[in-house]
Protein backbone atom coordinates (compact mmCIF):
# COMPACT_ATOMS: atom_id res chain seq x y z
CA UNK A 1 -3.27 1.47 -4.17
CA UNK A 2 -0.05 2.90 -4.30
CA UNK A 3 -1.08 5.78 -2.05
CA UNK A 4 -2.44 3.27 0.72
CA UNK A 5 0.74 0.88 0.49
CA UNK A 6 3.15 3.93 0.89
CA UNK A 7 1.40 6.50 2.57
CA UNK A 8 3.30 8.75 0.12
CA UNK A 9 1.34 9.16 -3.28
CA UNK A 10 -1.91 9.67 -4.48
CA UNK A 11 -3.32 7.57 -7.63
CA UNK A 12 -2.28 8.39 -11.00
CA UNK A 13 -4.17 11.56 -12.23
CA UNK A 14 -4.61 13.03 -15.76
CA UNK A 15 -5.92 16.45 -16.54
CA UNK A 16 -8.36 18.00 -14.24
CA UNK A 17 -7.24 15.19 -11.53
CA UNK A 18 -9.38 12.42 -13.08
CA UNK A 19 -7.84 9.07 -13.23
CA UNK A 20 -6.41 8.23 -16.51
CA UNK A 21 -6.12 4.79 -16.19
CA UNK A 22 -2.64 4.32 -17.16
CA UNK A 23 0.15 2.17 -15.23
CA UNK A 24 2.58 4.22 -13.30
CA UNK A 25 5.03 0.92 -13.82
CA UNK A 26 7.00 -1.42 -12.00
CA UNK A 27 9.21 1.02 -10.31
CA UNK A 28 6.59 2.37 -7.92
CA UNK A 29 4.80 -1.31 -7.62
CA UNK A 30 2.95 -0.93 -11.20
CA UNK A 31 -0.38 0.83 -9.64
CA UNK A 32 -3.17 1.05 -12.13
CA UNK A 33 -6.15 3.67 -12.02
CA UNK A 34 -9.37 1.93 -11.03
CA UNK A 35 -11.03 4.01 -14.21
CA UNK A 36 -10.91 2.68 -17.37
CA UNK A 37 -9.88 5.40 -19.82
CA UNK A 38 -7.51 5.68 -22.53
CA UNK A 39 -4.18 7.44 -21.86
CA UNK A 40 -3.39 10.33 -24.06
CA UNK A 41 -0.84 9.02 -26.81
CA UNK A 42 2.81 9.99 -25.90
CA UNK A 43 1.60 11.77 -22.35
CA UNK A 44 3.61 10.21 -19.29
CA UNK A 45 1.08 9.49 -16.36
CA UNK A 46 1.62 12.01 -13.49
CA UNK A 47 2.30 10.95 -10.00
CA UNK A 48 1.23 13.55 -7.27
CA UNK A 49 3.18 13.18 -4.26
CA UNK A 50 1.74 14.46 -0.85
CA UNK A 51 3.99 16.32 1.48
CA UNK A 52 3.07 15.31 5.30
CA UNK A 53 1.45 18.22 6.95
CA UNK A 54 4.03 17.82 9.95
CA UNK A 55 8.05 17.38 9.78
CA UNK A 56 10.04 16.22 12.47
CA UNK A 57 13.16 17.36 11.12
CA UNK A 58 14.49 14.10 12.23
CA UNK A 59 15.48 11.12 10.09
CA UNK A 60 13.52 8.22 10.91
CA UNK A 61 10.72 10.16 12.92
CA UNK A 62 7.67 10.52 10.49
CA UNK A 63 4.01 11.62 11.26
CA UNK A 64 1.02 9.40 10.46
CA UNK A 65 -1.89 11.68 9.58
CA UNK A 66 -4.58 9.15 9.51
CA UNK A 67 -3.45 7.52 13.06
CA UNK A 68 -2.18 11.14 14.27
CA UNK A 69 0.94 10.07 15.88
CA UNK A 70 4.51 10.15 15.56
CA UNK A 71 6.69 6.93 14.57
CA UNK A 72 10.14 6.67 15.14
CA UNK A 73 11.19 3.88 12.36
CA UNK A 74 14.75 3.39 12.39
CA UNK A 75 17.23 -0.14 11.40
CA UNK A 76 18.79 -1.51 14.49
CA UNK A 77 22.43 -2.39 14.33
CA UNK A 78 21.85 -5.89 14.05
CA UNK A 79 19.58 -5.32 10.78
CA UNK A 80 16.28 -5.54 12.70
CA UNK A 81 13.41 -2.92 11.88
CA UNK A 82 12.72 -0.83 15.13
CA UNK A 83 9.51 0.93 15.00
CA UNK A 84 7.21 2.68 17.69
CA UNK A 85 4.28 5.40 17.65
CA UNK A 86 3.80 8.09 19.70
CA UNK A 87 0.02 9.63 19.55
CA UNK A 88 -1.08 13.03 19.94
CA UNK A 89 -4.28 12.09 21.95
CA UNK A 90 -2.22 9.96 24.45
CA UNK A 91 0.19 12.91 24.87
CA UNK A 92 -2.45 15.79 25.07
CA UNK A 93 -2.74 17.65 28.50
CA UNK A 94 -6.13 17.81 30.55
CA UNK A 95 -7.29 20.76 28.62
CA UNK A 96 -7.57 18.49 25.43
CA UNK A 97 -5.60 20.68 23.39
CA UNK A 98 -4.53 18.44 20.22
CA UNK A 99 -1.44 20.78 19.08
CA UNK A 100 -0.13 20.57 22.56
CA UNK A 101 -0.43 16.71 22.19
CA UNK A 102 1.04 16.69 18.76
CA UNK A 103 4.27 18.79 20.13
CA UNK A 104 4.54 16.64 23.33
CA UNK A 105 4.23 13.22 20.97
CA UNK A 106 7.13 14.34 18.68
CA UNK A 107 9.25 15.13 22.11
CA UNK A 108 8.87 11.72 23.51
CA UNK A 109 9.38 10.29 19.92
CA UNK A 110 12.84 12.28 19.75
CA UNK A 111 13.52 10.85 23.29
CA UNK A 112 13.13 7.36 22.28
CA UNK A 113 15.34 8.04 19.44
CA UNK A 114 18.15 9.68 21.55
CA UNK A 115 17.79 6.90 23.83
CA UNK A 116 18.15 4.08 21.14
CA UNK A 117 20.94 6.07 20.26
CA UNK A 118 22.73 6.08 23.67
CA UNK A 119 22.03 2.38 24.24
CA UNK A 120 23.64 1.75 20.98
CA UNK A 121 20.65 -0.02 19.54
CA UNK A 122 21.21 2.26 16.41
CA UNK A 123 23.67 4.03 14.89
CA UNK A 124 23.17 7.89 15.19
CA UNK A 125 21.78 9.47 11.92
CA UNK A 126 23.63 11.47 9.51
């Protein structure tokens, strides 16, 4: 579905959170709800966007909740796509503090992006 492809949206929902069966249209991939119900006449389908629970504050660094990792995803000067993940579990200390691992992984992701900019692989965002 659209939410799985983009990781940014949930299925089309109608009143009470139930699937309405409507297509969201070609602009967003044409996702169609899995339940077959008639859509209310004249009522547009609703798209519910999820906001990531964690924000890096840096363009190009995003949190993947399912994989529990920060991703640096940027376009290089040559047009190539550069992506690297920094997992919270990998960056946890010996005490096993997950939140500390999330913070350490974000620091590592920011350092990686700074290094890419310093080496001229990517342009500075902004």
